[in-house]
Amino acid sequence: MKKYIVSMIAGTGFLLAALPPQHQNIKDLAVMVDFVKSHPKVAATIREISVVDRKVYFGAGCKAVFVRKVSAKPAGWVGPADPLVFQRSTCPLDK
């Protein structure tokens, strides 16, 4: 019985684990690509997408900056990271 309880407790750690880096990077990249698709000026002048810096570089020295959405989490939470959201751009996004 003790072995069963220990294995049940140990197994729950896997259920609460964060996403592996490759999956989180793919989710983050998808958010940034969707942003580019929805802004024709950015799409026409895109130079680089950096998942590490959470920035989309476009135009002549312009960048769109993304941050993690902040949400309340229970103490000890080890789930996936909050999604990326657009924070600001250093240049106008329309024509």
N, C-alpha and C. Protein backbone atom coordinates (compact mmCIF):
# COMPACT_ATOMS: atom_id res chain seq x y z
N MET A 1 0.83 -1.19 0.00
CA MET A 1 0.00 0.00 0.00
C MET A 1 0.87 1.26 0.00
N LYS A 2 1.95 1.23 0.80
CA LYS A 2 2.82 2.40 0.86
C LYS A 2 3.46 2.69 -0.50
N LYS A 3 3.87 1.62 -1.21
CA LYS A 3 4.48 1.79 -2.53
C LYS A 3 3.48 2.43 -3.49
N TYR A 4 2.23 2.04 -3.40
CA TYR A 4 1.19 2.59 -4.27
C TYR A 4 1.01 4.08 -4.02
N ILE A 5 0.96 4.48 -2.77
CA ILE A 5 0.79 5.90 -2.42
C ILE A 5 1.99 6.71 -2.88
N VAL A 6 3.19 6.20 -2.65
CA VAL A 6 4.40 6.91 -3.07
C VAL A 6 4.41 7.06 -4.59
N SER A 7 4.07 6.01 -5.32
CA SER A 7 4.07 6.11 -6.78
C SER A 7 3.00 7.07 -7.27
N MET A 8 1.87 7.15 -6.60
CA MET A 8 0.82 8.10 -6.98
C MET A 8 1.30 9.53 -6.76
N ILE A 9 1.96 9.80 -5.64
CA ILE A 9 2.46 11.13 -5.34
C ILE A 9 3.57 11.51 -6.32
N ALA A 10 4.48 10.58 -6.59
CA ALA A 10 5.57 10.85 -7.52
C ALA A 10 5.03 11.07 -8.93
N GLY A 11 4.01 10.37 -9.32
CA GLY A 11 3.44 10.50 -10.66
C GLY A 11 2.77 11.82 -10.91
N THR A 12 2.26 12.48 -9.86
CA THR A 12 1.58 13.75 -10.06
C THR A 12 2.54 14.84 -10.48
N GLY A 13 3.82 14.71 -10.17
CA GLY A 13 4.80 15.70 -10.60
C GLY A 13 4.89 15.81 -12.11
N PHE A 14 4.70 14.70 -12.79
CA PHE A 14 4.73 14.72 -14.25
C PHE A 14 3.51 15.41 -14.83
N LEU A 15 2.39 15.31 -14.16
CA LEU A 15 1.18 15.94 -14.65
C LEU A 15 1.24 17.46 -14.56
N LEU A 16 1.99 17.99 -13.62
CA LEU A 16 2.07 19.43 -13.42
C LEU A 16 3.30 20.06 -14.06
N ALA A 17 4.09 19.29 -14.75
CA ALA A 17 5.34 19.79 -15.32
C ALA A 17 5.08 20.84 -16.38
N ALA A 18 6.03 21.76 -16.52
CA ALA A 18 5.96 22.79 -17.56
C ALA A 18 6.17 22.15 -18.92
N LEU A 19 5.80 22.89 -19.96
CA LEU A 19 6.03 22.38 -21.31
C LEU A 19 7.51 22.26 -21.61
N PRO A 20 7.92 21.26 -22.36
CA PRO A 20 9.32 21.19 -22.79
C PRO A 20 9.63 22.43 -23.63
N PRO A 21 10.89 22.87 -23.64
CA PRO A 21 11.25 24.11 -24.34
C PRO A 21 10.81 24.15 -25.80
N GLN A 22 10.93 23.04 -26.52
CA GLN A 22 10.57 23.08 -27.94
C GLN A 22 9.08 23.38 -28.13
N HIS A 23 8.23 22.87 -27.25
CA HIS A 23 6.79 23.13 -27.36
C HIS A 23 6.46 24.57 -26.98
N GLN A 24 7.12 25.08 -25.94
CA GLN A 24 6.88 26.48 -25.54
C GLN A 24 7.36 27.42 -26.63
N ASN A 25 8.52 27.13 -27.23
CA ASN A 25 9.04 27.97 -28.32
C ASN A 25 8.09 27.98 -29.51
N ILE A 26 7.52 26.84 -29.84
CA ILE A 26 6.58 26.77 -30.96
C ILE A 26 5.34 27.60 -30.67
N LYS A 27 4.83 27.53 -29.44
CA LYS A 27 3.67 28.35 -29.06
C LYS A 27 4.00 29.83 -29.15
N ASP A 28 5.18 30.22 -28.65
CA ASP A 28 5.59 31.62 -28.68
C ASP A 28 5.77 32.11 -30.12
N LEU A 29 6.41 31.28 -30.95
CA LEU A 29 6.62 31.64 -32.35
C LEU A 29 5.29 31.82 -33.07
N ALA A 30 4.33 30.97 -32.79
CA ALA A 30 3.01 31.07 -33.43
C ALA A 30 2.34 32.40 -33.10
N VAL A 31 2.47 32.87 -31.86
CA VAL A 31 1.90 34.16 -31.47
C VAL A 31 2.55 35.29 -32.28
N MET A 32 3.87 35.23 -32.41
CA MET A 32 4.58 36.29 -33.13
C MET A 32 4.28 36.24 -34.63
N VAL A 33 4.17 35.05 -35.20
CA VAL A 33 3.84 34.93 -36.63
C VAL A 33 2.42 35.43 -36.88
N ASP A 34 1.48 35.11 -36.00
CA ASP A 34 0.11 35.62 -36.14
C ASP A 34 0.09 37.15 -36.10
N PHE A 35 0.92 37.73 -35.25
CA PHE A 35 1.03 39.20 -35.19
C PHE A 35 1.51 39.75 -36.52
N VAL A 36 2.56 39.14 -37.09
CA VAL A 36 3.10 39.58 -38.38
C VAL A 36 2.03 39.48 -39.46
N LYS A 37 1.30 38.37 -39.47
CA LYS A 37 0.25 38.17 -40.48
C LYS A 37 -0.85 39.22 -40.39
N SER A 38 -1.12 39.71 -39.20
CA SER A 38 -2.21 40.66 -39.01
C SER A 38 -1.79 42.12 -39.21
N HIS A 39 -0.52 42.37 -39.48
CA HIS A 39 -0.03 43.73 -39.71
C HIS A 39 0.75 43.78 -41.04
N PRO A 40 0.09 44.20 -42.12
CA PRO A 40 0.72 44.20 -43.44
C PRO A 40 2.06 44.95 -43.50
N LYS A 41 2.17 46.07 -42.80
CA LYS A 41 3.43 46.83 -42.82
C LYS A 41 4.56 45.99 -42.23
N VAL A 42 4.28 45.31 -41.14
CA VAL A 42 5.28 44.46 -40.50
C VAL A 42 5.64 43.31 -41.44
N ALA A 43 4.63 42.68 -42.03
CA ALA A 43 4.87 41.54 -42.92
C ALA A 43 5.71 41.95 -44.13
N ALA A 44 5.48 43.15 -44.64
CA ALA A 44 6.20 43.61 -45.83
C ALA A 44 7.65 43.97 -45.54
N THR A 45 7.95 44.31 -44.29
CA THR A 45 9.30 44.80 -43.97
C THR A 45 10.01 43.98 -42.90
N ILE A 46 9.48 42.78 -42.62
CA ILE A 46 10.05 41.95 -41.55
C ILE A 46 11.52 41.61 -41.83
N ARG A 47 12.33 41.69 -40.78
CA ARG A 47 13.75 41.35 -40.88
C ARG A 47 14.10 40.13 -40.04
N GLU A 48 13.45 39.99 -38.88
CA GLU A 48 13.83 38.89 -37.98
C GLU A 48 12.75 38.69 -36.93
N ILE A 49 12.57 37.43 -36.53
CA ILE A 49 11.74 37.09 -35.38
C ILE A 49 12.65 36.40 -34.38
N SER A 50 12.71 36.93 -33.17
CA SER A 50 13.56 36.35 -32.13
C SER A 50 12.69 35.82 -31.00
N VAL A 51 12.63 34.50 -30.88
CA VAL A 51 11.89 33.88 -29.78
C VAL A 51 12.61 34.15 -28.46
N VAL A 52 13.94 34.18 -28.51
CA VAL A 52 14.73 34.40 -27.29
C VAL A 52 14.48 35.80 -26.73
N ASP A 53 14.52 36.81 -27.61
CA ASP A 53 14.32 38.20 -27.17
C ASP A 53 12.85 38.59 -27.09
N ARG A 54 11.97 37.72 -27.65
CA ARG A 54 10.54 37.99 -27.72
C ARG A 54 10.27 39.28 -28.49
N LYS A 55 10.93 39.42 -29.64
CA LYS A 55 10.78 40.62 -30.47
C LYS A 55 10.68 40.25 -31.93
N VAL A 56 9.93 41.07 -32.66
CA VAL A 56 9.86 40.99 -34.12
C VAL A 56 10.50 42.27 -34.64
N TYR A 57 11.54 42.11 -35.44
CA TYR A 57 12.26 43.25 -36.01
C TYR A 57 11.75 43.49 -37.42
N PHE A 58 11.41 44.76 -37.73
CA PHE A 58 10.88 45.08 -39.05
C PHE A 58 11.25 46.52 -39.41
N GLY A 59 11.05 46.87 -40.66
CA GLY A 59 11.29 48.23 -41.12
C GLY A 59 12.72 48.66 -40.87
N ALA A 60 12.90 49.97 -40.70
CA ALA A 60 14.22 50.55 -40.47
C ALA A 60 14.46 50.71 -38.97
N GLY A 61 14.86 49.63 -38.33
CA GLY A 61 15.17 49.68 -36.90
C GLY A 61 13.96 49.59 -35.99
N CYS A 62 12.84 49.12 -36.49
CA CYS A 62 11.62 49.01 -35.68
C CYS A 62 11.55 47.62 -35.03
N LYS A 63 10.85 47.57 -33.92
CA LYS A 63 10.64 46.28 -33.27
C LYS A 63 9.30 46.25 -32.55
N ALA A 64 8.69 45.07 -32.57
CA ALA A 64 7.48 44.81 -31.80
C ALA A 64 7.91 43.94 -30.62
N VAL A 65 7.53 44.35 -29.44
CA VAL A 65 7.97 43.70 -28.22
C VAL A 65 6.81 42.90 -27.62
N PHE A 66 7.11 41.67 -27.22
CA PHE A 66 6.12 40.79 -26.61
C PHE A 66 6.54 40.46 -25.18
N VAL A 67 5.56 40.27 -24.32
CA VAL A 67 5.81 39.90 -22.93
C VAL A 67 4.87 38.75 -22.56
N ARG A 68 5.17 38.10 -21.47
CA ARG A 68 4.28 37.05 -20.96
C ARG A 68 3.09 37.69 -20.27
N LYS A 69 1.91 37.21 -20.60
CA LYS A 69 0.71 37.64 -19.91
C LYS A 69 0.83 37.20 -18.46
N VAL A 70 0.52 38.08 -17.55
CA VAL A 70 0.65 37.75 -16.12
C VAL A 70 -0.71 37.31 -15.60
N SER A 71 -0.75 36.13 -15.01
CA SER A 71 -1.99 35.65 -14.41
C SER A 71 -1.68 35.05 -13.04
N ALA A 72 -2.65 35.14 -12.17
CA ALA A 72 -2.47 34.60 -10.81
C ALA A 72 -2.39 33.08 -10.89
N LYS A 73 -1.48 32.53 -10.13
CA LYS A 73 -1.30 31.08 -10.09
C LYS A 73 -1.30 30.63 -8.63
N PRO A 74 -1.76 29.42 -8.40
CA PRO A 74 -1.72 28.89 -7.03
C PRO A 74 -0.27 28.69 -6.59
N ALA A 75 -0.04 28.75 -5.30
CA ALA A 75 1.30 28.53 -4.76
C ALA A 75 1.82 27.17 -5.19
N GLY A 76 3.07 27.14 -5.63
CA GLY A 76 3.69 25.89 -6.05
C GLY A 76 3.37 25.48 -7.47
N TRP A 77 2.69 26.33 -8.23
CA TRP A 77 2.31 26.02 -9.62
C TRP A 77 3.54 25.79 -10.47
N VAL A 78 3.54 24.71 -11.26
CA VAL A 78 4.65 24.39 -12.14
C VAL A 78 4.13 24.13 -13.56
N GLY A 79 3.03 24.74 -13.93
CA GLY A 79 2.43 24.48 -15.22
C GLY A 79 3.13 25.23 -16.34
N PRO A 80 2.55 25.22 -17.53
CA PRO A 80 3.15 25.90 -18.69
C PRO A 80 3.23 27.41 -18.46
N ALA A 81 4.15 28.03 -19.16
CA ALA A 81 4.31 29.49 -19.06
C ALA A 81 3.07 30.18 -19.61
N ASP A 82 2.81 31.37 -19.09
CA ASP A 82 1.72 32.18 -19.62
C ASP A 82 1.99 32.50 -21.09
N PRO A 83 0.94 32.75 -21.87
CA PRO A 83 1.14 33.04 -23.29
C PRO A 83 1.80 34.40 -23.52
N LEU A 84 2.43 34.53 -24.67
CA LEU A 84 2.99 35.82 -25.06
C LEU A 84 1.86 36.73 -25.53
N VAL A 85 2.01 38.02 -25.24
CA VAL A 85 1.08 39.03 -25.74
C VAL A 85 1.89 40.21 -26.24
N PHE A 86 1.36 40.89 -27.25
CA PHE A 86 2.01 42.07 -27.78
C PHE A 86 1.99 43.17 -26.72
N GLN A 87 3.14 43.79 -26.48
CA GLN A 87 3.21 44.87 -25.49
C GLN A 87 3.27 46.23 -26.15
N ARG A 88 4.23 46.40 -27.10
CA ARG A 88 4.40 47.71 -27.73
C ARG A 88 5.25 47.58 -28.99
N SER A 89 5.22 48.64 -29.77
CA SER A 89 6.07 48.71 -30.94
C SER A 89 6.82 50.03 -30.91
N THR A 90 8.03 50.03 -31.43
CA THR A 90 8.82 51.27 -31.45
C THR A 90 8.48 52.14 -32.65
N CYS A 91 7.66 51.63 -33.57
CA CYS A 91 7.24 52.37 -34.76
C CYS A 91 5.73 52.13 -34.97
N PRO A 92 5.07 53.04 -35.71
CA PRO A 92 3.67 52.79 -36.02
C PRO A 92 3.51 51.49 -36.80
N LEU A 93 2.38 50.81 -36.55
CA LEU A 93 2.13 49.52 -37.20
C LEU A 93 1.31 49.64 -38.48
N ASP A 94 0.66 50.81 -38.69
CA ASP A 94 -0.10 50.97 -39.92
C ASP A 94 0.75 51.71 -40.95
N LYS A 95 0.35 51.63 -42.15
CA LYS A 95 1.04 52.21 -43.30
C LYS A 95 1.99 53.24 -42.87
